[in-house]
Amino acid sequence: MKSALFLTASPLGAAASGHTLGKEVLESRRHLKVITRDLSQGGFGQITADYADAILSRAEPAAPTFAASETLIRELEETDALVIATPMHNYTVPAALKLWIDLVLRAGRSFGFRDGRKIGLLADRPTLILVSSGGLVRAGAMQPDHLTGYLKDVLATVGIRDLHFVYLEALARPDMAEQTLARARREIATDRRFGAEAHCLAGQEA
C-alpha cells in the first residue's frame, strides 16, 4: 500500500486553508495510508544541549537523545509521498516547521558528505507544499520570500527534490480568498503527481 506523510504547521490547525486543501488531496486517494503530524501542537521533540553534544560527538543513532529525531526520520523513510501545509511567517517557515527541519536534518542519518558536499540519504518522493499567506508573496509582492528557496534547499539536503509548490495568497482579503482556493484546486488537479489523473500515487508506479 502506498503511504503519505502529511505535515501541518499552522497555529489554526484543522481550520487553516492549507490544512483543508491538503486533507482534500489525500482523502481523494482513499488507498493511501496517511500519517498526519500537526507540528503546531508541539511535543514532537526539541533541540537541547544533550542533543547538540550528541551531534558533535557523533553518537550512535540509537542514543536516547536522538529518539524524537529518529521517529521523525523514520516517518519519512516509511512513506512514499509528502504533503506540507505551512503558513509563511515573517517571510519564512514558522517556528514549528523549523524545529521539525532541525530534527530531521541530521548528519550521518538523513544526509552524508561527499567531496565536501551534503548528500541526501533518504529516497526522493512526490512532495506537495501548500504555502498560505495573508498577502501576496509572488509577482507584485512587496515582501521577500525566504520560504521557497529555503525549503527547496533543506529538502534537497535529505534527498527530496520532486517538489510542487502551491501558493494560497491574500487569504486575509475576503474578496480574494475564495478565488485563491479555487485556483489552487485547479492547479493541483492538473499536477502529474497529485492531480486527478496522476498515477504515481494511485497504487502503481507511473
N, C-alpha and C. Protein backbone atom coordinates (compact mmCIF):
# COMPACT_ATOMS: atom_id res chain seq x y z
N MET A 1 0.84 -1.20 0.00
CA MET A 1 0.00 0.00 0.00
C MET A 1 0.87 1.24 0.00
N LYS A 2 0.52 2.21 -0.82
CA LYS A 2 1.22 3.48 -0.81
C LYS A 2 0.87 4.25 0.46
N SER A 3 1.79 5.13 0.86
CA SER A 3 1.56 5.89 2.08
C SER A 3 2.07 7.31 1.91
N ALA A 4 1.56 8.21 2.75
CA ALA A 4 1.93 9.62 2.66
C ALA A 4 2.07 10.20 4.06
N LEU A 5 3.00 11.14 4.19
CA LEU A 5 3.17 11.89 5.43
C LEU A 5 2.59 13.28 5.21
N PHE A 6 1.68 13.69 6.09
CA PHE A 6 1.02 14.99 6.00
C PHE A 6 1.46 15.84 7.19
N LEU A 7 2.26 16.87 6.91
CA LEU A 7 2.73 17.78 7.93
C LEU A 7 1.93 19.08 7.86
N THR A 8 1.39 19.52 8.98
CA THR A 8 0.71 20.81 9.02
C THR A 8 1.40 21.67 10.07
N ALA A 9 1.53 22.97 9.79
CA ALA A 9 2.31 23.82 10.67
C ALA A 9 1.59 25.11 11.06
N SER A 10 0.32 25.22 10.71
CA SER A 10 -0.41 26.44 11.04
C SER A 10 -0.96 26.41 12.45
N PRO A 11 -0.85 27.51 13.20
CA PRO A 11 -1.46 27.55 14.53
C PRO A 11 -2.99 27.44 14.49
N LEU A 12 -3.57 27.61 13.30
CA LEU A 12 -5.02 27.47 13.15
C LEU A 12 -5.45 26.02 13.08
N GLY A 13 -4.49 25.11 12.97
CA GLY A 13 -4.80 23.68 12.95
C GLY A 13 -5.69 23.29 11.78
N ALA A 14 -6.71 22.49 12.07
CA ALA A 14 -7.59 21.98 11.02
C ALA A 14 -8.40 23.07 10.34
N ALA A 15 -8.47 24.26 10.94
CA ALA A 15 -9.22 25.36 10.35
C ALA A 15 -8.41 26.11 9.29
N ALA A 16 -7.12 25.82 9.18
CA ALA A 16 -6.27 26.51 8.21
C ALA A 16 -6.61 26.09 6.79
N SER A 17 -6.55 27.03 5.86
CA SER A 17 -6.86 26.73 4.46
C SER A 17 -5.92 25.68 3.89
N GLY A 18 -4.63 25.78 4.22
CA GLY A 18 -3.68 24.80 3.72
C GLY A 18 -3.96 23.40 4.24
N HIS A 19 -4.33 23.30 5.51
CA HIS A 19 -4.68 22.00 6.09
C HIS A 19 -5.89 21.42 5.37
N THR A 20 -6.90 22.25 5.15
CA THR A 20 -8.11 21.79 4.47
C THR A 20 -7.80 21.27 3.08
N LEU A 21 -7.00 22.02 2.33
CA LEU A 21 -6.68 21.62 0.96
C LEU A 21 -5.82 20.36 0.94
N GLY A 22 -4.85 20.28 1.83
CA GLY A 22 -4.02 19.08 1.89
C GLY A 22 -4.82 17.85 2.23
N LYS A 23 -5.75 17.99 3.15
CA LYS A 23 -6.61 16.87 3.53
C LYS A 23 -7.47 16.43 2.35
N GLU A 24 -7.98 17.41 1.58
CA GLU A 24 -8.78 17.08 0.40
C GLU A 24 -7.97 16.23 -0.59
N VAL A 25 -6.73 16.65 -0.84
CA VAL A 25 -5.87 15.94 -1.79
C VAL A 25 -5.66 14.50 -1.35
N LEU A 26 -5.35 14.31 -0.08
CA LEU A 26 -5.04 12.97 0.41
C LEU A 26 -6.29 12.10 0.53
N GLU A 27 -7.40 12.69 0.93
CA GLU A 27 -8.63 11.90 1.06
C GLU A 27 -9.18 11.47 -0.29
N SER A 28 -8.80 12.18 -1.36
CA SER A 28 -9.26 11.79 -2.68
C SER A 28 -8.56 10.51 -3.16
N ARG A 29 -7.50 10.13 -2.48
CA ARG A 29 -6.78 8.90 -2.80
C ARG A 29 -6.95 7.96 -1.61
N ARG A 30 -8.09 7.29 -1.61
CA ARG A 30 -8.51 6.54 -0.44
C ARG A 30 -7.64 5.34 -0.14
N HIS A 31 -6.86 4.89 -1.12
CA HIS A 31 -5.99 3.75 -0.89
C HIS A 31 -4.78 4.13 -0.04
N LEU A 32 -4.49 5.42 0.07
CA LEU A 32 -3.29 5.88 0.77
C LEU A 32 -3.41 5.69 2.28
N LYS A 33 -2.36 5.19 2.88
CA LYS A 33 -2.22 5.21 4.33
C LYS A 33 -1.55 6.54 4.67
N VAL A 34 -2.21 7.37 5.47
CA VAL A 34 -1.72 8.72 5.75
C VAL A 34 -1.31 8.84 7.21
N ILE A 35 -0.09 9.32 7.41
CA ILE A 35 0.38 9.69 8.73
C ILE A 35 0.29 11.21 8.83
N THR A 36 -0.48 11.72 9.77
CA THR A 36 -0.65 13.16 9.93
C THR A 36 0.06 13.63 11.19
N ARG A 37 0.85 14.69 11.05
CA ARG A 37 1.55 15.26 12.20
C ARG A 37 1.30 16.77 12.22
N ASP A 38 0.60 17.22 13.23
CA ASP A 38 0.32 18.65 13.41
C ASP A 38 1.47 19.24 14.22
N LEU A 39 2.40 19.87 13.53
CA LEU A 39 3.59 20.40 14.18
C LEU A 39 3.27 21.55 15.13
N SER A 40 2.18 22.27 14.87
CA SER A 40 1.85 23.43 15.69
C SER A 40 1.49 23.05 17.12
N GLN A 41 1.17 21.77 17.34
CA GLN A 41 0.82 21.31 18.69
C GLN A 41 2.04 21.03 19.54
N GLY A 42 3.22 21.00 18.91
CA GLY A 42 4.45 20.73 19.64
C GLY A 42 4.52 19.29 20.14
N GLY A 43 5.43 19.05 21.08
CA GLY A 43 5.52 17.72 21.68
C GLY A 43 6.22 16.69 20.83
N PHE A 44 6.84 17.09 19.72
CA PHE A 44 7.50 16.10 18.86
C PHE A 44 9.02 16.13 18.98
N GLY A 45 9.55 16.89 19.93
CA GLY A 45 10.98 16.93 20.15
C GLY A 45 11.49 18.33 20.38
N GLN A 46 12.74 18.43 20.73
CA GLN A 46 13.36 19.74 20.93
C GLN A 46 14.86 19.61 20.79
N ILE A 47 15.51 20.73 20.54
CA ILE A 47 16.96 20.77 20.46
C ILE A 47 17.49 21.20 21.82
N THR A 48 18.20 20.30 22.49
CA THR A 48 18.73 20.56 23.82
C THR A 48 20.26 20.54 23.78
N ALA A 49 20.89 20.87 24.90
CA ALA A 49 22.34 20.80 25.00
C ALA A 49 22.80 19.35 24.80
N ASP A 50 22.05 18.39 25.34
CA ASP A 50 22.41 16.98 25.16
C ASP A 50 22.36 16.58 23.70
N TYR A 51 21.35 17.10 22.98
CA TYR A 51 21.22 16.79 21.56
C TYR A 51 22.43 17.36 20.81
N ALA A 52 22.77 18.61 21.09
CA ALA A 52 23.91 19.23 20.43
C ALA A 52 25.20 18.48 20.72
N ASP A 53 25.39 18.05 21.97
CA ASP A 53 26.58 17.29 22.33
C ASP A 53 26.63 15.95 21.59
N ALA A 54 25.46 15.31 21.44
CA ALA A 54 25.41 14.03 20.73
C ALA A 54 25.76 14.20 19.26
N ILE A 55 25.33 15.31 18.66
CA ILE A 55 25.69 15.59 17.27
C ILE A 55 27.20 15.79 17.15
N LEU A 56 27.77 16.60 18.03
CA LEU A 56 29.20 16.91 17.95
C LEU A 56 30.07 15.69 18.25
N SER A 57 29.59 14.81 19.11
CA SER A 57 30.37 13.62 19.46
C SER A 57 30.08 12.44 18.53
N ARG A 58 29.20 12.66 17.56
CA ARG A 58 28.82 11.62 16.59
C ARG A 58 28.31 10.37 17.30
N ALA A 59 27.36 10.59 18.19
CA ALA A 59 26.76 9.49 18.92
C ALA A 59 26.03 8.54 17.98
N GLU A 60 25.84 7.32 18.41
CA GLU A 60 25.13 6.32 17.61
C GLU A 60 23.66 6.72 17.43
N PRO A 61 23.05 6.31 16.30
CA PRO A 61 21.64 6.65 16.07
C PRO A 61 20.71 6.18 17.19
N ALA A 62 21.10 5.12 17.89
CA ALA A 62 20.25 4.59 18.96
C ALA A 62 20.38 5.36 20.26
N ALA A 63 21.20 6.41 20.29
CA ALA A 63 21.37 7.19 21.52
C ALA A 63 20.03 7.76 21.94
N PRO A 64 19.70 7.69 23.24
CA PRO A 64 18.39 8.16 23.72
C PRO A 64 18.06 9.59 23.31
N THR A 65 19.05 10.46 23.26
CA THR A 65 18.77 11.86 22.92
C THR A 65 18.29 12.04 21.49
N PHE A 66 18.51 11.01 20.64
CA PHE A 66 18.06 11.07 19.25
C PHE A 66 16.67 10.45 19.05
N ALA A 67 16.01 10.04 20.11
CA ALA A 67 14.75 9.30 19.98
C ALA A 67 13.71 10.06 19.16
N ALA A 68 13.49 11.34 19.46
CA ALA A 68 12.49 12.11 18.72
C ALA A 68 12.92 12.30 17.27
N SER A 69 14.18 12.60 17.05
CA SER A 69 14.69 12.75 15.69
C SER A 69 14.51 11.47 14.89
N GLU A 70 14.80 10.33 15.51
CA GLU A 70 14.65 9.03 14.83
C GLU A 70 13.20 8.79 14.43
N THR A 71 12.27 9.14 15.31
CA THR A 71 10.85 8.95 14.99
C THR A 71 10.46 9.74 13.75
N LEU A 72 10.89 11.00 13.67
CA LEU A 72 10.54 11.85 12.54
C LEU A 72 11.20 11.37 11.26
N ILE A 73 12.45 10.96 11.34
CA ILE A 73 13.15 10.47 10.15
C ILE A 73 12.52 9.18 9.65
N ARG A 74 12.16 8.29 10.58
CA ARG A 74 11.52 7.03 10.17
C ARG A 74 10.17 7.28 9.50
N GLU A 75 9.44 8.30 9.94
CA GLU A 75 8.18 8.63 9.29
C GLU A 75 8.41 8.97 7.83
N LEU A 76 9.49 9.66 7.53
CA LEU A 76 9.82 9.96 6.14
C LEU A 76 10.24 8.69 5.39
N GLU A 77 11.05 7.88 6.03
CA GLU A 77 11.55 6.66 5.39
C GLU A 77 10.41 5.69 5.06
N GLU A 78 9.38 5.70 5.85
CA GLU A 78 8.31 4.71 5.71
C GLU A 78 7.15 5.19 4.84
N THR A 79 7.26 6.39 4.27
CA THR A 79 6.19 6.92 3.43
C THR A 79 6.70 7.21 2.02
N ASP A 80 5.77 7.22 1.06
CA ASP A 80 6.11 7.37 -0.35
C ASP A 80 5.87 8.77 -0.89
N ALA A 81 5.12 9.57 -0.15
CA ALA A 81 4.80 10.93 -0.59
C ALA A 81 4.78 11.84 0.63
N LEU A 82 4.93 13.14 0.36
CA LEU A 82 4.97 14.12 1.44
C LEU A 82 4.09 15.30 1.07
N VAL A 83 3.23 15.71 1.98
CA VAL A 83 2.43 16.92 1.81
C VAL A 83 2.70 17.82 3.01
N ILE A 84 3.11 19.06 2.74
CA ILE A 84 3.38 20.03 3.79
C ILE A 84 2.43 21.21 3.61
N ALA A 85 1.66 21.51 4.64
CA ALA A 85 0.80 22.69 4.63
C ALA A 85 1.35 23.66 5.67
N THR A 86 1.87 24.78 5.18
CA THR A 86 2.53 25.71 6.09
C THR A 86 2.17 27.16 5.78
N PRO A 87 2.01 27.97 6.79
CA PRO A 87 1.89 29.41 6.53
C PRO A 87 3.28 29.99 6.32
N MET A 88 3.34 31.19 5.75
CA MET A 88 4.58 31.96 5.70
C MET A 88 4.53 32.95 6.86
N HIS A 89 5.48 32.81 7.78
CA HIS A 89 5.56 33.71 8.93
C HIS A 89 6.82 34.56 8.82
N ASN A 90 6.64 35.86 8.74
CA ASN A 90 7.79 36.76 8.69
C ASN A 90 8.77 36.36 7.59
N TYR A 91 8.22 36.11 6.43
CA TYR A 91 8.97 35.83 5.19
C TYR A 91 9.48 34.40 5.06
N THR A 92 9.29 33.56 6.08
CA THR A 92 9.86 32.22 6.01
C THR A 92 8.97 31.21 6.73
N VAL A 93 9.51 30.04 7.07
CA VAL A 93 8.72 28.99 7.70
C VAL A 93 8.44 29.33 9.16
N PRO A 94 7.31 28.86 9.71
CA PRO A 94 7.02 29.09 11.12
C PRO A 94 7.97 28.28 12.00
N ALA A 95 8.05 28.66 13.26
CA ALA A 95 8.99 28.03 14.20
C ALA A 95 8.76 26.52 14.31
N ALA A 96 7.51 26.08 14.28
CA ALA A 96 7.23 24.65 14.43
C ALA A 96 7.82 23.84 13.28
N LEU A 97 7.71 24.34 12.06
CA LEU A 97 8.28 23.63 10.92
C LEU A 97 9.80 23.69 10.95
N LYS A 98 10.35 24.82 11.40
CA LYS A 98 11.81 24.93 11.53
C LYS A 98 12.35 23.90 12.50
N LEU A 99 11.65 23.66 13.61
CA LEU A 99 12.10 22.67 14.58
C LEU A 99 12.08 21.28 13.96
N TRP A 100 11.02 20.96 13.21
CA TRP A 100 10.96 19.66 12.52
C TRP A 100 12.16 19.51 11.59
N ILE A 101 12.47 20.54 10.84
CA ILE A 101 13.62 20.51 9.93
C ILE A 101 14.91 20.26 10.71
N ASP A 102 15.10 20.96 11.83
CA ASP A 102 16.32 20.81 12.61
C ASP A 102 16.47 19.41 13.18
N LEU A 103 15.36 18.74 13.46
CA LEU A 103 15.42 17.38 13.99
C LEU A 103 15.58 16.33 12.89
N VAL A 104 15.11 16.63 11.70
CA VAL A 104 15.19 15.67 10.60
C VAL A 104 16.53 15.74 9.87
N LEU A 105 17.08 16.94 9.72
CA LEU A 105 18.38 17.06 9.06
C LEU A 105 19.48 16.73 10.06
N ARG A 106 19.97 15.49 9.95
CA ARG A 106 20.97 15.01 10.91
C ARG A 106 22.10 14.30 10.17
N ALA A 107 23.30 14.83 10.34
CA ALA A 107 24.47 14.28 9.65
C ALA A 107 24.67 12.81 10.02
N GLY A 108 24.93 12.00 8.99
CA GLY A 108 25.16 10.58 9.20
C GLY A 108 23.89 9.77 9.27
N ARG A 109 22.75 10.44 9.28
CA ARG A 109 21.46 9.73 9.36
C ARG A 109 20.56 10.06 8.18
N SER A 110 20.24 11.33 7.99
CA SER A 110 19.41 11.71 6.85
C SER A 110 20.23 12.33 5.72
N PHE A 111 21.47 12.70 6.01
CA PHE A 111 22.37 13.15 4.96
C PHE A 111 23.81 12.82 5.33
N GLY A 112 24.64 12.67 4.29
CA GLY A 112 26.05 12.41 4.49
C GLY A 112 26.87 13.44 3.73
N PHE A 113 28.13 13.12 3.51
CA PHE A 113 29.02 14.05 2.83
C PHE A 113 29.79 13.33 1.73
N ARG A 114 29.99 14.05 0.62
CA ARG A 114 30.80 13.54 -0.48
C ARG A 114 31.50 14.72 -1.12
N ASP A 115 32.82 14.66 -1.17
CA ASP A 115 33.61 15.74 -1.75
C ASP A 115 33.27 17.09 -1.12
N GLY A 116 33.04 17.08 0.17
CA GLY A 116 32.75 18.32 0.89
C GLY A 116 31.34 18.83 0.75
N ARG A 117 30.46 18.07 0.10
CA ARG A 117 29.07 18.50 -0.09
C ARG A 117 28.13 17.54 0.62
N LYS A 118 26.99 18.09 1.05
CA LYS A 118 25.99 17.28 1.71
C LYS A 118 25.22 16.46 0.68
N ILE A 119 25.03 15.17 0.97
CA ILE A 119 24.34 14.25 0.07
C ILE A 119 23.17 13.61 0.82
N GLY A 120 21.97 13.71 0.26
CA GLY A 120 20.79 13.15 0.91
C GLY A 120 20.84 11.64 0.98
N LEU A 121 20.41 11.08 2.11
CA LEU A 121 20.39 9.63 2.31
C LEU A 121 18.98 9.05 2.28
N LEU A 122 17.97 9.90 2.11
CA LEU A 122 16.59 9.41 2.04
C LEU A 122 16.12 9.38 0.60
N ALA A 123 15.12 8.57 0.33
CA ALA A 123 14.59 8.43 -1.03
C ALA A 123 13.79 9.68 -1.42
N ASP A 124 13.90 10.05 -2.68
CA ASP A 124 13.06 11.13 -3.20
C ASP A 124 11.62 10.65 -3.24
N ARG A 125 10.68 11.58 -3.22
CA ARG A 125 9.27 11.20 -3.32
C ARG A 125 8.45 12.42 -3.73
N PRO A 126 7.28 12.23 -4.37
CA PRO A 126 6.43 13.37 -4.73
C PRO A 126 6.09 14.18 -3.49
N THR A 127 6.30 15.49 -3.58
CA THR A 127 6.08 16.36 -2.42
C THR A 127 5.26 17.58 -2.84
N LEU A 128 4.15 17.78 -2.15
CA LEU A 128 3.29 18.93 -2.39
C LEU A 128 3.43 19.88 -1.20
N ILE A 129 3.77 21.14 -1.49
CA ILE A 129 3.95 22.13 -0.44
C ILE A 129 2.93 23.24 -0.63
N LEU A 130 2.00 23.36 0.31
CA LEU A 130 0.94 24.35 0.27
C LEU A 130 1.34 25.51 1.17
N VAL A 131 1.58 26.66 0.58
CA VAL A 131 2.08 27.82 1.31
C VAL A 131 0.96 28.86 1.44
N SER A 132 0.54 29.14 2.67
CA SER A 132 -0.53 30.11 2.92
C SER A 132 0.05 31.43 3.37
N SER A 133 -0.57 32.52 2.92
CA SER A 133 -0.13 33.85 3.35
C SER A 133 -1.30 34.81 3.33
N GLY A 134 -1.26 35.78 4.22
CA GLY A 134 -2.31 36.78 4.27
C GLY A 134 -2.26 37.74 3.11
N GLY A 135 -1.03 37.99 2.59
CA GLY A 135 -0.86 38.90 1.46
C GLY A 135 -0.23 38.19 0.28
N LEU A 136 0.25 38.97 -0.68
CA LEU A 136 0.89 38.42 -1.85
C LEU A 136 2.36 38.12 -1.56
N VAL A 137 2.86 37.00 -2.10
CA VAL A 137 4.27 36.64 -1.88
C VAL A 137 5.01 36.40 -3.18
N ARG A 138 4.30 36.43 -4.30
CA ARG A 138 4.97 36.17 -5.58
C ARG A 138 4.97 37.45 -6.41
N ALA A 139 4.55 37.36 -7.67
CA ALA A 139 4.62 38.51 -8.57
C ALA A 139 3.90 39.71 -7.99
N GLY A 140 4.60 40.83 -7.97
CA GLY A 140 4.00 42.06 -7.48
C GLY A 140 4.01 42.21 -5.98
N ALA A 141 4.57 41.22 -5.27
CA ALA A 141 4.57 41.29 -3.82
C ALA A 141 5.56 42.33 -3.32
N MET A 142 5.24 42.93 -2.19
CA MET A 142 6.09 43.95 -1.60
C MET A 142 6.96 43.38 -0.48
N GLN A 143 6.93 42.05 -0.31
CA GLN A 143 7.71 41.44 0.75
C GLN A 143 8.58 40.32 0.19
N PRO A 144 9.73 40.04 0.82
CA PRO A 144 10.61 38.97 0.33
C PRO A 144 10.06 37.59 0.66
N ASP A 145 10.46 36.61 -0.11
CA ASP A 145 10.07 35.21 0.10
C ASP A 145 11.35 34.42 0.42
N HIS A 146 11.57 34.14 1.71
CA HIS A 146 12.71 33.32 2.10
C HIS A 146 12.27 31.89 2.41
N LEU A 147 11.01 31.59 2.17
CA LEU A 147 10.48 30.25 2.45
C LEU A 147 10.74 29.28 1.32
N THR A 148 10.44 29.69 0.09
CA THR A 148 10.51 28.76 -1.04
C THR A 148 11.92 28.21 -1.24
N GLY A 149 12.89 29.10 -1.37
CA GLY A 149 14.26 28.64 -1.60
C GLY A 149 14.79 27.84 -0.43
N TYR A 150 14.43 28.25 0.77
CA TYR A 150 14.89 27.54 1.97
C TYR A 150 14.37 26.11 2.00
N LEU A 151 13.07 25.92 1.76
CA LEU A 151 12.52 24.57 1.76
C LEU A 151 13.11 23.72 0.64
N LYS A 152 13.34 24.31 -0.52
CA LYS A 152 14.00 23.56 -1.59
C LYS A 152 15.36 23.06 -1.14
N ASP A 153 16.12 23.92 -0.49
CA ASP A 153 17.47 23.55 -0.07
C ASP A 153 17.46 22.49 1.03
N VAL A 154 16.61 22.66 2.05
CA VAL A 154 16.65 21.71 3.17
C VAL A 154 16.10 20.35 2.76
N LEU A 155 15.07 20.31 1.93
CA LEU A 155 14.54 19.02 1.49
C LEU A 155 15.52 18.33 0.55
N ALA A 156 16.19 19.09 -0.31
CA ALA A 156 17.21 18.50 -1.18
C ALA A 156 18.36 17.93 -0.36
N THR A 157 18.64 18.52 0.79
CA THR A 157 19.73 18.04 1.64
C THR A 157 19.51 16.60 2.07
N VAL A 158 18.25 16.20 2.29
CA VAL A 158 17.98 14.81 2.69
C VAL A 158 17.62 13.94 1.50
N GLY A 159 17.57 14.52 0.30
CA GLY A 159 17.32 13.73 -0.91
C GLY A 159 15.97 13.93 -1.56
N ILE A 160 15.16 14.89 -1.07
CA ILE A 160 13.82 15.11 -1.61
C ILE A 160 13.84 16.30 -2.55
N ARG A 161 13.62 16.04 -3.85
CA ARG A 161 13.73 17.10 -4.85
C ARG A 161 12.48 17.23 -5.74
N ASP A 162 11.58 16.24 -5.67
CA ASP A 162 10.40 16.25 -6.54
C ASP A 162 9.30 17.10 -5.88
N LEU A 163 9.43 18.41 -6.03
CA LEU A 163 8.58 19.34 -5.29
C LEU A 163 7.59 20.08 -6.18
N HIS A 164 6.41 20.35 -5.63
CA HIS A 164 5.43 21.22 -6.28
C HIS A 164 4.91 22.19 -5.23
N PHE A 165 5.21 23.47 -5.40
CA PHE A 165 4.72 24.50 -4.50
C PHE A 165 3.39 25.06 -5.03
N VAL A 166 2.42 25.17 -4.16
CA VAL A 166 1.15 25.82 -4.49
C VAL A 166 0.94 26.91 -3.45
N TYR A 167 0.66 28.13 -3.93
CA TYR A 167 0.59 29.29 -3.05
C TYR A 167 -0.86 29.73 -2.84
N LEU A 168 -1.25 29.80 -1.57
CA LEU A 168 -2.57 30.30 -1.19
C LEU A 168 -2.36 31.71 -0.67
N GLU A 169 -2.41 32.67 -1.58
CA GLU A 169 -2.07 34.05 -1.25
C GLU A 169 -3.31 34.90 -0.94
N ALA A 170 -3.06 36.00 -0.27
CA ALA A 170 -4.08 37.02 0.01
C ALA A 170 -5.27 36.44 0.75
N LEU A 171 -5.02 35.49 1.64
CA LEU A 171 -6.12 34.88 2.40
C LEU A 171 -6.73 35.85 3.40
N ALA A 172 -6.03 36.92 3.72
CA ALA A 172 -6.58 37.92 4.65
C ALA A 172 -7.57 38.85 3.97
N ARG A 173 -7.68 38.71 2.65
CA ARG A 173 -8.62 39.56 1.91
C ARG A 173 -9.84 38.73 1.50
N PRO A 174 -10.98 38.93 2.11
CA PRO A 174 -12.18 38.13 1.81
C PRO A 174 -12.54 38.14 0.33
N ASP A 175 -12.24 39.24 -0.38
CA ASP A 175 -12.60 39.32 -1.79
C ASP A 175 -11.70 38.47 -2.68
N MET A 176 -10.58 37.96 -2.13
CA MET A 176 -9.64 37.18 -2.93
C MET A 176 -9.47 35.75 -2.43
N ALA A 177 -9.86 35.48 -1.19
CA ALA A 177 -9.59 34.18 -0.57
C ALA A 177 -10.24 33.03 -1.35
N GLU A 178 -11.51 33.16 -1.70
CA GLU A 178 -12.18 32.07 -2.41
C GLU A 178 -11.57 31.85 -3.79
N GLN A 179 -11.20 32.92 -4.47
CA GLN A 179 -10.54 32.79 -5.77
C GLN A 179 -9.21 32.08 -5.63
N THR A 180 -8.49 32.39 -4.57
CA THR A 180 -7.20 31.75 -4.32
C THR A 180 -7.35 30.25 -4.14
N LEU A 181 -8.31 29.85 -3.34
CA LEU A 181 -8.53 28.42 -3.10
C LEU A 181 -8.97 27.70 -4.37
N ALA A 182 -9.84 28.32 -5.15
CA ALA A 182 -10.30 27.72 -6.39
C ALA A 182 -9.14 27.55 -7.37
N ARG A 183 -8.30 28.56 -7.46
CA ARG A 183 -7.14 28.50 -8.35
C ARG A 183 -6.17 27.40 -7.90
N ALA A 184 -5.97 27.27 -6.59
CA ALA A 184 -5.08 26.23 -6.06
C ALA A 184 -5.62 24.84 -6.37
N ARG A 185 -6.92 24.66 -6.23
CA ARG A 185 -7.51 23.35 -6.53
C ARG A 185 -7.34 23.00 -8.01
N ARG A 186 -7.49 23.98 -8.89
CA ARG A 186 -7.31 23.73 -10.32
C ARG A 186 -5.85 23.36 -10.62
N GLU A 187 -4.94 24.05 -9.97
CA GLU A 187 -3.52 23.77 -10.20
C GLU A 187 -3.16 22.36 -9.75
N ILE A 188 -3.65 21.96 -8.60
CA ILE A 188 -3.35 20.62 -8.08
C ILE A 188 -4.00 19.56 -8.96
N ALA A 189 -5.19 19.84 -9.48
CA ALA A 189 -5.90 18.85 -10.30
C ALA A 189 -5.12 18.45 -11.54
N THR A 190 -4.28 19.34 -12.03
CA THR A 190 -3.51 19.04 -13.25
C THR A 190 -2.09 18.58 -12.94
N ASP A 191 -1.75 18.46 -11.68
CA ASP A 191 -0.39 18.05 -11.31
C ASP A 191 -0.17 16.57 -11.61
N ARG A 192 0.96 16.25 -12.18
CA ARG A 192 1.24 14.86 -12.58
C ARG A 192 1.44 13.93 -11.39
N ARG A 193 1.69 14.49 -10.22
CA ARG A 193 1.94 13.67 -9.05
C ARG A 193 0.75 13.56 -8.12
N PHE A 194 0.00 14.65 -7.99
CA PHE A 194 -1.09 14.68 -7.02
C PHE A 194 -2.46 14.94 -7.64
N GLY A 195 -2.51 15.23 -8.92
CA GLY A 195 -3.76 15.56 -9.57
C GLY A 195 -4.65 14.37 -9.83
N ALA A 196 -5.83 14.67 -10.36
CA ALA A 196 -6.84 13.64 -10.60
C ALA A 196 -6.36 12.56 -11.55
N GLU A 197 -5.49 12.91 -12.51
CA GLU A 197 -5.03 11.95 -13.50
C GLU A 197 -3.66 11.36 -13.16
N ALA A 198 -3.13 11.69 -11.98
CA ALA A 198 -1.80 11.20 -11.61
C ALA A 198 -1.82 9.70 -11.38
N HIS A 199 -0.68 9.07 -11.65
CA HIS A 199 -0.57 7.64 -11.47
C HIS A 199 0.41 7.25 -10.35
N CYS A 200 1.37 8.14 -10.03
CA CYS A 200 2.42 7.76 -9.10
C CYS A 200 1.93 7.53 -7.68
N LEU A 201 0.73 8.03 -7.34
CA LEU A 201 0.17 7.78 -6.02
C LEU A 201 -1.14 7.00 -6.11
N ALA A 202 -1.35 6.37 -7.24
CA ALA A 202 -2.62 5.68 -7.45
C ALA A 202 -2.50 4.17 -7.25
N GLY A 203 -1.52 3.76 -6.44
CA GLY A 203 -1.39 2.34 -6.15
C GLY A 203 -0.47 1.64 -7.10
N GLN A 204 0.05 2.33 -8.10
CA GLN A 204 1.01 1.75 -9.02
C GLN A 204 1.94 2.86 -9.50
N GLU A 205 3.13 2.49 -9.87
CA GLU A 205 4.08 3.48 -10.35
C GLU A 205 3.71 3.96 -11.74
N ALA A 206 4.00 5.25 -12.02
CA ALA A 206 3.73 5.80 -13.34
C ALA A 206 4.68 5.19 -14.36
